[in-house]
Amino acid sequence: DGFIFPVPVLFRKSRFNGAGVSFRGASFDAGPVSF
Protein backbone atom coordinates (compact mmCIF):
# COMPACT_ATOMS: atom_id res chain seq x y z
CA ASP A 1 0.00 0.00 0.00
CA GLY A 2 1.31 3.41 -1.01
CA PHE A 3 4.62 2.06 -2.33
CA ILE A 4 6.23 4.04 -5.13
CA PHE A 5 7.95 2.24 -7.99
CA PRO A 6 10.04 4.87 -9.84
CA VAL A 7 11.69 2.21 -12.02
CA PRO A 8 10.40 -0.81 -14.00
CA VAL A 9 9.23 -3.67 -11.78
CA LEU A 10 8.74 -7.35 -12.54
CA PHE A 11 6.67 -9.87 -10.56
CA ARG A 12 6.85 -12.62 -13.19
CA LYS A 13 6.01 -16.02 -11.72
CA SER A 14 5.94 -14.51 -8.24
CA ARG A 15 3.77 -16.37 -5.75
CA PHE A 16 1.75 -14.43 -3.19
CA ASN A 17 0.74 -16.60 -0.25
CA GLY A 18 -0.90 -15.30 2.91
CA ALA A 19 -4.31 -13.83 3.64
CA GLY A 20 -4.32 -11.40 0.72
CA VAL A 21 -2.32 -8.92 -1.32
CA SER A 22 -2.77 -5.16 -1.37
CA PHE A 23 -1.31 -2.51 -3.68
CA ARG A 24 -3.84 0.16 -2.70
CA GLY A 25 -2.63 3.60 -3.72
CA ALA A 26 0.66 2.26 -5.10
CA SER A 27 2.28 4.29 -7.86
CA PHE A 28 4.03 2.60 -10.78
CA ASP A 29 5.94 5.44 -12.41
CA ALA A 30 8.03 3.56 -15.01
CA GLY A 31 7.47 0.57 -17.24
CA PRO A 32 7.18 -2.16 -17.98
CA VAL A 33 5.19 -3.44 -15.02
CA SER A 34 4.72 -7.19 -15.28
CA PHE A 35 2.77 -9.71 -13.19
Full PDB file with SEQRES, HELIX, SHEET, SSBOND, CRYST1, ORIGX, SCALE, CONECT and MASTER records, all heavy atoms in Angstrom:
SEQRES   1 A   35  ASP GLY PHE ILE PHE PRO VAL PRO VAL LEU PHE ARG LYS          
SEQRES   2 A   35  SER ARG PHE ASN GLY ALA GLY VAL SER PHE ARG GLY ALA          
SEQRES   3 A   35  SER PHE ASP ALA GLY PRO VAL SER PHE                          
SHEET    1 AA1 2 ILE A   4  PHE A   5  0                                        
SHEET    2 AA1 2 SER A  27  PHE A  28  1                                        
SHEET    1 AA2 2 VAL A   9  LEU A  10  0                                        
SHEET    2 AA2 2 VAL A  33  SER A  34  1                                        
CRYST1    1.000    1.000    1.000  90.00  90.00  90.00 P 1           1          
ORIGX1      1.000000  0.000000  0.000000        0.00000                         
ORIGX2      0.000000  1.000000  0.000000        0.00000                         
ORIGX3      0.000000  0.000000  1.000000        0.00000                         
SCALE1      1.000000  0.000000  0.000000        0.00000                         
SCALE2      0.000000  1.000000  0.000000        0.00000                         
SCALE3      0.000000  0.000000  1.000000        0.00000                         
ATOM      1  N   ASP A   1       0.832  -1.204   0.000  1.00  0.00           N  
ATOM      2  CA  ASP A   1       0.000   0.000   0.000  1.00  0.00           C  
ATOM      3  C   ASP A   1       0.870   1.258   0.000  1.00  0.00           C  
ATOM      4  O   ASP A   1       1.753   1.425   0.848  1.00  0.00           O  
ATOM      5  CB  ASP A   1      -0.904   0.031   1.235  1.00  0.00           C  
ATOM      6  CG  ASP A   1      -2.013  -1.003   1.186  1.00  0.00           C  
ATOM      7  OD1 ASP A   1      -2.192  -1.631   0.133  1.00  0.00           O  
ATOM      8  OD2 ASP A   1      -2.698  -1.174   2.219  1.00  0.00           O  
ATOM      9  N   GLY A   2       0.603   2.148  -0.957  1.00  0.00           N  
ATOM     10  CA  GLY A   2       1.306   3.407  -1.013  1.00  0.00           C  
ATOM     11  C   GLY A   2       2.751   3.344  -1.461  1.00  0.00           C  
ATOM     12  O   GLY A   2       3.442   4.377  -1.476  1.00  0.00           O  
ATOM     13  N   PHE A   3       3.232   2.164  -1.853  1.00  0.00           N  
ATOM     14  CA  PHE A   3       4.616   2.058  -2.330  1.00  0.00           C  
ATOM     15  C   PHE A   3       4.755   2.791  -3.659  1.00  0.00           C  
ATOM     16  O   PHE A   3       3.831   2.811  -4.477  1.00  0.00           O  
ATOM     17  CB  PHE A   3       5.005   0.593  -2.517  1.00  0.00           C  
ATOM     18  CG  PHE A   3       5.577  -0.060  -1.288  1.00  0.00           C  
ATOM     19  CD1 PHE A   3       4.836  -0.144  -0.117  1.00  0.00           C  
ATOM     20  CD2 PHE A   3       6.860  -0.595  -1.302  1.00  0.00           C  
ATOM     21  CE1 PHE A   3       5.355  -0.748   1.012  1.00  0.00           C  
ATOM     22  CE2 PHE A   3       7.394  -1.202  -0.173  1.00  0.00           C  
ATOM     23  CZ  PHE A   3       6.645  -1.279   0.990  1.00  0.00           C  
ATOM     24  N   ILE A   4       5.912   3.372  -3.870  1.00  0.00           N  
ATOM     25  CA  ILE A   4       6.229   4.043  -5.127  1.00  0.00           C  
ATOM     26  C   ILE A   4       7.285   3.235  -5.866  1.00  0.00           C  
ATOM     27  O   ILE A   4       8.306   2.850  -5.285  1.00  0.00           O  
ATOM     28  CB  ILE A   4       6.729   5.476  -4.878  1.00  0.00           C  
ATOM     29  CG1 ILE A   4       5.625   6.311  -4.221  1.00  0.00           C  
ATOM     30  CG2 ILE A   4       7.172   6.136  -6.188  1.00  0.00           C  
ATOM     31  CD1 ILE A   4       6.090   7.678  -3.783  1.00  0.00           C  
ATOM     32  N   PHE A   5       7.015   2.970  -7.131  1.00  0.00           N  
ATOM     33  CA  PHE A   5       7.950   2.240  -7.986  1.00  0.00           C  
ATOM     34  C   PHE A   5       8.426   3.204  -9.070  1.00  0.00           C  
ATOM     35  O   PHE A   5       7.781   3.341 -10.117  1.00  0.00           O  
ATOM     36  CB  PHE A   5       7.274   1.021  -8.599  1.00  0.00           C  
ATOM     37  CG  PHE A   5       6.783   0.017  -7.605  1.00  0.00           C  
ATOM     38  CD1 PHE A   5       5.497   0.105  -7.066  1.00  0.00           C  
ATOM     39  CD2 PHE A   5       7.600  -1.021  -7.181  1.00  0.00           C  
ATOM     40  CE1 PHE A   5       5.046  -0.813  -6.140  1.00  0.00           C  
ATOM     41  CE2 PHE A   5       7.153  -1.944  -6.256  1.00  0.00           C  
ATOM     42  CZ  PHE A   5       5.875  -1.835  -5.730  1.00  0.00           C  
ATOM     43  N   PRO A   6       9.561   3.885  -8.867  1.00  0.00           N  
ATOM     44  CA  PRO A   6      10.036   4.870  -9.843  1.00  0.00           C  
ATOM     45  C   PRO A   6      10.766   4.252 -11.026  1.00  0.00           C  
ATOM     46  O   PRO A   6      11.164   4.958 -11.954  1.00  0.00           O  
ATOM     47  CB  PRO A   6      10.985   5.735  -9.005  1.00  0.00           C  
ATOM     48  CG  PRO A   6      11.541   4.797  -7.985  1.00  0.00           C  
ATOM     49  CD  PRO A   6      10.425   3.840  -7.664  1.00  0.00           C  
ATOM     50  N   VAL A   7      10.955   2.935 -10.981  1.00  0.00           N  
ATOM     51  CA  VAL A   7      11.687   2.208 -12.024  1.00  0.00           C  
ATOM     52  C   VAL A   7      10.853   1.002 -12.446  1.00  0.00           C  
ATOM     53  O   VAL A   7       9.911   0.608 -11.752  1.00  0.00           O  
ATOM     54  CB  VAL A   7      13.074   1.748 -11.511  1.00  0.00           C  
ATOM     55  CG1 VAL A   7      13.970   2.948 -11.233  1.00  0.00           C  
ATOM     56  CG2 VAL A   7      12.939   0.877 -10.254  1.00  0.00           C  
ATOM     57  N   PRO A   8      11.148   0.379 -13.595  1.00  0.00           N  
ATOM     58  CA  PRO A   8      10.397  -0.810 -14.003  1.00  0.00           C  
ATOM     59  C   PRO A   8      10.432  -1.897 -12.930  1.00  0.00           C  
ATOM     60  O   PRO A   8      11.434  -2.069 -12.239  1.00  0.00           O  
ATOM     61  CB  PRO A   8      11.133  -1.260 -15.278  1.00  0.00           C  
ATOM     62  CG  PRO A   8      11.760  -0.015 -15.816  1.00  0.00           C  
ATOM     63  CD  PRO A   8      12.154   0.773 -14.610  1.00  0.00           C  
ATOM     64  N   VAL A   9       9.319  -2.631 -12.812  1.00  0.00           N  
ATOM     65  CA  VAL A   9       9.233  -3.673 -11.782  1.00  0.00           C  
ATOM     66  C   VAL A   9       8.605  -4.932 -12.371  1.00  0.00           C  
ATOM     67  O   VAL A   9       7.632  -4.866 -13.125  1.00  0.00           O  
ATOM     68  CB  VAL A   9       8.443  -3.165 -10.549  1.00  0.00           C  
ATOM     69  CG1 VAL A   9       7.034  -2.738 -10.928  1.00  0.00           C  
ATOM     70  CG2 VAL A   9       8.409  -4.223  -9.451  1.00  0.00           C  
ATOM     71  N   LEU A  10       9.198  -6.059 -12.038  1.00  0.00           N  
ATOM     72  CA  LEU A  10       8.740  -7.350 -12.540  1.00  0.00           C  
ATOM     73  C   LEU A  10       8.338  -8.254 -11.371  1.00  0.00           C  
ATOM     74  O   LEU A  10       9.075  -8.393 -10.397  1.00  0.00           O  
ATOM     75  CB  LEU A  10       9.847  -8.044 -13.342  1.00  0.00           C  
ATOM     76  CG  LEU A  10      10.455  -7.254 -14.500  1.00  0.00           C  
ATOM     77  CD1 LEU A  10      11.566  -8.073 -15.157  1.00  0.00           C  
ATOM     78  CD2 LEU A  10       9.397  -6.874 -15.531  1.00  0.00           C  
ATOM     79  N   PHE A  11       7.147  -8.859 -11.510  1.00  0.00           N  
ATOM     80  CA  PHE A  11       6.672  -9.869 -10.561  1.00  0.00           C  
ATOM     81  C   PHE A  11       6.370 -11.163 -11.333  1.00  0.00           C  
ATOM     82  O   PHE A  11       5.445 -11.884 -11.003  1.00  0.00           O  
ATOM     83  CB  PHE A  11       5.407  -9.397  -9.848  1.00  0.00           C  
ATOM     84  CG  PHE A  11       5.617  -8.290  -8.843  1.00  0.00           C  
ATOM     85  CD1 PHE A  11       5.535  -6.958  -9.226  1.00  0.00           C  
ATOM     86  CD2 PHE A  11       5.876  -8.584  -7.511  1.00  0.00           C  
ATOM     87  CE1 PHE A  11       5.699  -5.936  -8.303  1.00  0.00           C  
ATOM     88  CE2 PHE A  11       6.039  -7.571  -6.572  1.00  0.00           C  
ATOM     89  CZ  PHE A  11       5.954  -6.248  -6.970  1.00  0.00           C  
ATOM     90  N   ARG A  12       7.124 -11.439 -12.365  1.00  0.00           N  
ATOM     91  CA  ARG A  12       6.855 -12.622 -13.191  1.00  0.00           C  
ATOM     92  C   ARG A  12       7.038 -13.904 -12.386  1.00  0.00           C  
ATOM     93  O   ARG A  12       8.066 -14.099 -11.731  1.00  0.00           O  
ATOM     94  CB  ARG A  12       7.801 -12.639 -14.396  1.00  0.00           C  
ATOM     95  CG  ARG A  12       7.540 -11.518 -15.392  1.00  0.00           C  
ATOM     96  CD  ARG A  12       8.617 -11.466 -16.454  1.00  0.00           C  
ATOM     97  NE  ARG A  12       8.396 -10.372 -17.399  1.00  0.00           N  
ATOM     98  CZ  ARG A  12       9.347  -9.849 -18.172  1.00  0.00           C  
ATOM     99  NH1 ARG A  12      10.581 -10.324 -18.116  1.00  0.00           N  
ATOM    100  NH2 ARG A  12       9.061  -8.854 -18.982  1.00  0.00           N  
ATOM    101  N   LYS A  13       6.007 -14.731 -12.423  1.00  0.00           N  
ATOM    102  CA  LYS A  13       6.009 -16.020 -11.722  1.00  0.00           C  
ATOM    103  C   LYS A  13       6.212 -15.863 -10.212  1.00  0.00           C  
ATOM    104  O   LYS A  13       6.603 -16.809  -9.535  1.00  0.00           O  
ATOM    105  CB  LYS A  13       7.067 -16.973 -12.308  1.00  0.00           C  
ATOM    106  CG  LYS A  13       6.780 -17.370 -13.754  1.00  0.00           C  
ATOM    107  CD  LYS A  13       7.769 -18.413 -14.254  1.00  0.00           C  
ATOM    108  CE  LYS A  13       7.444 -18.828 -15.677  1.00  0.00           C  
ATOM    109  NZ  LYS A  13       8.400 -19.847 -16.197  1.00  0.00           N  
ATOM    110  N   SER A  14       5.928 -14.685  -9.696  1.00  0.00           N  
ATOM    111  CA  SER A  14       5.943 -14.515  -8.244  1.00  0.00           C  
ATOM    112  C   SER A  14       4.727 -15.226  -7.657  1.00  0.00           C  
ATOM    113  O   SER A  14       3.682 -15.341  -8.301  1.00  0.00           O  
ATOM    114  CB  SER A  14       5.897 -13.033  -7.870  1.00  0.00           C  
ATOM    115  OG  SER A  14       7.048 -12.361  -8.319  1.00  0.00           O  
ATOM    116  N   ARG A  15       4.866 -15.658  -6.424  1.00  0.00           N  
ATOM    117  CA  ARG A  15       3.773 -16.369  -5.747  1.00  0.00           C  
ATOM    118  C   ARG A  15       3.449 -15.613  -4.458  1.00  0.00           C  
ATOM    119  O   ARG A  15       4.310 -15.448  -3.588  1.00  0.00           O  
ATOM    120  CB  ARG A  15       4.188 -17.814  -5.449  1.00  0.00           C  
ATOM    121  CG  ARG A  15       3.121 -18.637  -4.736  1.00  0.00           C  
ATOM    122  CD  ARG A  15       3.641 -20.056  -4.485  1.00  0.00           C  
ATOM    123  NE  ARG A  15       2.759 -20.823  -3.623  1.00  0.00           N  
ATOM    124  CZ  ARG A  15       1.766 -21.596  -4.048  1.00  0.00           C  
ATOM    125  NH1 ARG A  15       1.554 -21.710  -5.346  1.00  0.00           N  
ATOM    126  NH2 ARG A  15       1.009 -22.263  -3.195  1.00  0.00           N  
ATOM    127  N   PHE A  16       2.191 -15.183  -4.358  1.00  0.00           N  
ATOM    128  CA  PHE A  16       1.747 -14.428  -3.192  1.00  0.00           C  
ATOM    129  C   PHE A  16       0.900 -15.332  -2.306  1.00  0.00           C  
ATOM    130  O   PHE A  16      -0.254 -15.634  -2.619  1.00  0.00           O  
ATOM    131  CB  PHE A  16       0.941 -13.209  -3.632  1.00  0.00           C  
ATOM    132  CG  PHE A  16       1.725 -12.202  -4.430  1.00  0.00           C  
ATOM    133  CD1 PHE A  16       1.800 -12.301  -5.817  1.00  0.00           C  
ATOM    134  CD2 PHE A  16       2.392 -11.170  -3.807  1.00  0.00           C  
ATOM    135  CE1 PHE A  16       2.516 -11.370  -6.559  1.00  0.00           C  
ATOM    136  CE2 PHE A  16       3.118 -10.230  -4.534  1.00  0.00           C  
ATOM    137  CZ  PHE A  16       3.184 -10.336  -5.912  1.00  0.00           C  
ATOM    138  N   ASN A  17       1.482 -15.800  -1.218  1.00  0.00           N  
ATOM    139  CA  ASN A  17       0.743 -16.595  -0.250  1.00  0.00           C  
ATOM    140  C   ASN A  17       0.096 -15.644   0.763  1.00  0.00           C  
ATOM    141  O   ASN A  17       0.030 -14.452   0.551  1.00  0.00           O  
ATOM    142  CB  ASN A  17       1.688 -17.574   0.445  1.00  0.00           C  
ATOM    143  CG  ASN A  17       2.361 -18.519  -0.533  1.00  0.00           C  
ATOM    144  OD1 ASN A  17       1.710 -19.158  -1.343  1.00  0.00           O  
ATOM    145  ND2 ASN A  17       3.686 -18.590  -0.476  1.00  0.00           N  
ATOM    146  N   GLY A  18      -0.366 -16.159   1.866  1.00  0.00           N  
ATOM    147  CA  GLY A  18      -0.901 -15.301   2.905  1.00  0.00           C  
ATOM    148  C   GLY A  18      -2.385 -15.048   2.760  1.00  0.00           C  
ATOM    149  O   GLY A  18      -3.092 -15.666   1.955  1.00  0.00           O  
ATOM    150  N   ALA A  19      -2.870 -14.087   3.558  1.00  0.00           N  
ATOM    151  CA  ALA A  19      -4.309 -13.827   3.644  1.00  0.00           C  
ATOM    152  C   ALA A  19      -4.810 -12.882   2.560  1.00  0.00           C  
ATOM    153  O   ALA A  19      -6.009 -12.640   2.452  1.00  0.00           O  
ATOM    154  CB  ALA A  19      -4.640 -13.247   5.022  1.00  0.00           C  
ATOM    155  N   GLY A  20      -3.931 -12.328   1.775  1.00  0.00           N  
ATOM    156  CA  GLY A  20      -4.323 -11.402   0.725  1.00  0.00           C  
ATOM    157  C   GLY A  20      -3.137 -10.563   0.285  1.00  0.00           C  
ATOM    158  O   GLY A  20      -2.057 -10.620   0.875  1.00  0.00           O  
ATOM    159  N   VAL A  21      -3.356  -9.783  -0.763  1.00  0.00           N  
ATOM    160  CA  VAL A  21      -2.316  -8.922  -1.317  1.00  0.00           C  
ATOM    161  C   VAL A  21      -2.928  -7.551  -1.566  1.00  0.00           C  
ATOM    162  O   VAL A  21      -4.023  -7.449  -2.130  1.00  0.00           O  
ATOM    163  CB  VAL A  21      -1.750  -9.470  -2.638  1.00  0.00           C  
ATOM    164  CG1 VAL A  21      -0.615  -8.602  -3.143  1.00  0.00           C  
ATOM    165  CG2 VAL A  21      -1.302 -10.909  -2.481  1.00  0.00           C  
ATOM    166  N   SER A  22      -2.233  -6.497  -1.165  1.00  0.00           N  
ATOM    167  CA  SER A  22      -2.767  -5.160  -1.365  1.00  0.00           C  
ATOM    168  C   SER A  22      -1.717  -4.217  -1.949  1.00  0.00           C  
ATOM    169  O   SER A  22      -0.607  -4.102  -1.423  1.00  0.00           O  
ATOM    170  CB  SER A  22      -3.288  -4.589  -0.039  1.00  0.00           C  
ATOM    171  OG  SER A  22      -3.886  -3.324  -0.235  1.00  0.00           O  
ATOM    172  N   PHE A  23      -2.104  -3.573  -3.046  1.00  0.00           N  
ATOM    173  CA  PHE A  23      -1.313  -2.513  -3.675  1.00  0.00           C  
ATOM    174  C   PHE A  23      -2.129  -1.221  -3.704  1.00  0.00           C  
ATOM    175  O   PHE A  23      -1.990  -0.407  -4.601  1.00  0.00           O  
ATOM    176  CB  PHE A  23      -0.928  -2.906  -5.101  1.00  0.00           C  
ATOM    177  CG  PHE A  23       0.183  -3.912  -5.226  1.00  0.00           C  
ATOM    178  CD1 PHE A  23      -0.080  -5.266  -5.134  1.00  0.00           C  
ATOM    179  CD2 PHE A  23       1.491  -3.511  -5.460  1.00  0.00           C  
ATOM    180  CE1 PHE A  23       0.935  -6.211  -5.269  1.00  0.00           C  
ATOM    181  CE2 PHE A  23       2.515  -4.437  -5.606  1.00  0.00           C  
ATOM    182  CZ  PHE A  23       2.235  -5.798  -5.506  1.00  0.00           C  
ATOM    183  N   ARG A  24      -2.990  -1.027  -2.721  1.00  0.00           N  
ATOM    184  CA  ARG A  24      -3.843   0.164  -2.698  1.00  0.00           C  
ATOM    185  C   ARG A  24      -2.993   1.438  -2.709  1.00  0.00           C  
ATOM    186  O   ARG A  24      -2.077   1.594  -1.911  1.00  0.00           O  
ATOM    187  CB  ARG A  24      -4.737   0.166  -1.457  1.00  0.00           C  
ATOM    188  CG  ARG A  24      -5.818  -0.900  -1.457  1.00  0.00           C  
ATOM    189  CD  ARG A  24      -6.661  -0.835  -0.188  1.00  0.00           C  
ATOM    190  NE  ARG A  24      -7.367   0.427  -0.095  1.00  0.00           N  
ATOM    191  CZ  ARG A  24      -8.585   0.660  -0.590  1.00  0.00           C  
ATOM    192  NH1 ARG A  24      -9.237  -0.323  -1.216  1.00  0.00           N  
ATOM    193  NH2 ARG A  24      -9.165   1.839  -0.452  1.00  0.00           N  
ATOM    194  N   GLY A  25      -3.318   2.332  -3.654  1.00  0.00           N  
ATOM    195  CA  GLY A  25      -2.627   3.603  -3.715  1.00  0.00           C  
ATOM    196  C   GLY A  25      -1.178   3.538  -4.147  1.00  0.00           C  
ATOM    197  O   GLY A  25      -0.472   4.551  -4.084  1.00  0.00           O  
ATOM    198  N   ALA A  26      -0.715   2.371  -4.610  1.00  0.00           N  
ATOM    199  CA  ALA A  26       0.665   2.263  -5.097  1.00  0.00           C  
ATOM    200  C   ALA A  26       0.812   3.032  -6.405  1.00  0.00           C  
ATOM    201  O   ALA A  26      -0.147   3.194  -7.174  1.00  0.00           O  
ATOM    202  CB  ALA A  26       1.045   0.802  -5.301  1.00  0.00           C  
ATOM    203  N   SER A  27       2.017   3.528  -6.653  1.00  0.00           N  
ATOM    204  CA  SER A  27       2.277   4.293  -7.864  1.00  0.00           C  
ATOM    205  C   SER A  27       3.396   3.641  -8.659  1.00  0.00           C  
ATOM    206  O   SER A  27       4.525   3.515  -8.177  1.00  0.00           O  
ATOM    207  CB  SER A  27       2.657   5.740  -7.506  1.00  0.00           C  
ATOM    208  OG  SER A  27       2.866   6.515  -8.668  1.00  0.00           O  
ATOM    209  N   PHE A  28       3.066   3.214  -9.872  1.00  0.00           N  
ATOM    210  CA  PHE A  28       4.029   2.598 -10.784  1.00  0.00           C  
ATOM    211  C   PHE A  28       4.405   3.656 -11.821  1.00  0.00           C  
ATOM    212  O   PHE A  28       3.659   3.936 -12.755  1.00  0.00           O  
ATOM    213  CB  PHE A  28       3.423   1.369 -11.445  1.00  0.00           C  
ATOM    214  CG  PHE A  28       3.032   0.277 -10.481  1.00  0.00           C  
ATOM    215  CD1 PHE A  28       1.784   0.277  -9.871  1.00  0.00           C  
ATOM    216  CD2 PHE A  28       3.917  -0.747 -10.169  1.00  0.00           C  
ATOM    217  CE1 PHE A  28       1.422  -0.731  -8.979  1.00  0.00           C  
ATOM    218  CE2 PHE A  28       3.571  -1.752  -9.276  1.00  0.00           C  
ATOM    219  CZ  PHE A  28       2.320  -1.739  -8.681  1.00  0.00           C  
ATOM    220  N   ASP A  29       5.577   4.251 -11.639  1.00  0.00           N  
ATOM    221  CA  ASP A  29       5.940   5.438 -12.413  1.00  0.00           C  
ATOM    222  C   ASP A  29       6.725   5.140 -13.683  1.00  0.00           C  
ATOM    223  O   ASP A  29       6.914   6.033 -14.512  1.00  0.00           O  
ATOM    224  CB  ASP A  29       6.762   6.397 -11.539  1.00  0.00           C  
ATOM    225  CG  ASP A  29       5.974   6.896 -10.339  1.00  0.00           C  
ATOM    226  OD1 ASP A  29       4.742   6.743 -10.323  1.00  0.00           O  
ATOM    227  OD2 ASP A  29       6.610   7.426  -9.400  1.00  0.00           O  
ATOM    228  N   ALA A  30       7.224   3.920 -13.837  1.00  0.00           N  
ATOM    229  CA  ALA A  30       8.028   3.561 -15.011  1.00  0.00           C  
ATOM    230  C   ALA A  30       7.656   2.149 -15.456  1.00  0.00           C  
ATOM    231  O   ALA A  30       7.183   1.334 -14.669  1.00  0.00           O  
ATOM    232  CB  ALA A  30       9.519   3.648 -14.692  1.00  0.00           C  
ATOM    233  N   GLY A  31       7.837   1.878 -16.717  1.00  0.00           N  
ATOM    234  CA  GLY A  31       7.472   0.572 -17.244  1.00  0.00           C  
ATOM    235  C   GLY A  31       8.653  -0.154 -17.853  1.00  0.00           C  
ATOM    236  O   GLY A  31       9.720   0.428 -18.038  1.00  0.00           O  
ATOM    237  N   PRO A  32       8.449  -1.440 -18.134  1.00  0.00           N  
ATOM    238  CA  PRO A  32       7.184  -2.157 -17.977  1.00  0.00           C  
ATOM    239  C   PRO A  32       6.908  -2.553 -16.527  1.00  0.00           C  
ATOM    240  O   PRO A  32       7.804  -2.590 -15.696  1.00  0.00           O  
ATOM    241  CB  PRO A  32       7.399  -3.407 -18.845  1.00  0.00           C  
ATOM    242  CG  PRO A  32       8.881  -3.668 -18.752  1.00  0.00           C  
ATOM    243  CD  PRO A  32       9.507  -2.305 -18.716  1.00  0.00           C  
ATOM    244  N   VAL A  33       5.626  -2.861 -16.287  1.00  0.00           N  
ATOM    245  CA  VAL A  33       5.185  -3.445 -15.015  1.00  0.00           C  
ATOM    246  C   VAL A  33       4.578  -4.795 -15.359  1.00  0.00           C  
ATOM    247  O   VAL A  33       3.601  -4.864 -16.102  1.00  0.00           O  
ATOM    248  CB  VAL A  33       4.137  -2.556 -14.325  1.00  0.00           C  
ATOM    249  CG1 VAL A  33       3.642  -3.234 -13.047  1.00  0.00           C  
ATOM    250  CG2 VAL A  33       4.712  -1.184 -14.022  1.00  0.00           C  
ATOM    251  N   SER A  34       5.161  -5.862 -14.852  1.00  0.00           N  
ATOM    252  CA  SER A  34       4.716  -7.186 -15.277  1.00  0.00           C  
ATOM    253  C   SER A  34       4.422  -8.101 -14.090  1.00  0.00           C  
ATOM    254  O   SER A  34       5.265  -8.305 -13.218  1.00  0.00           O  
ATOM    255  CB  SER A  34       5.762  -7.855 -16.176  1.00  0.00           C  
ATOM    256  OG  SER A  34       5.320  -9.153 -16.564  1.00  0.00           O  
ATOM    257  N   PHE A  35       3.190  -8.644 -14.102  1.00  0.00           N  
ATOM    258  CA  PHE A  35       2.772  -9.706 -13.192  1.00  0.00           C  
ATOM    259  C   PHE A  35       2.491 -10.974 -14.010  1.00  0.00           C  
ATOM    260  O   PHE A  35       1.660 -11.789 -13.633  1.00  0.00           O  
ATOM    261  CB  PHE A  35       1.517  -9.298 -12.427  1.00  0.00           C  
ATOM    262  CG  PHE A  35       1.750  -8.250 -11.363  1.00  0.00           C  
ATOM    263  CD1 PHE A  35       1.779  -6.904 -11.688  1.00  0.00           C  
ATOM    264  CD2 PHE A  35       1.938  -8.619 -10.041  1.00  0.00           C  
ATOM    265  CE1 PHE A  35       1.978  -5.938 -10.719  1.00  0.00           C  
ATOM    266  CE2 PHE A  35       2.138  -7.660  -9.056  1.00  0.00           C  
ATOM    267  CZ  PHE A  35       2.161  -6.318  -9.394  1.00  0.00           C  
TER     268      PHE A  35                                                      
MASTER        0    0    0    0    4    0    0    6  267    1    0    3          
END                                                                             
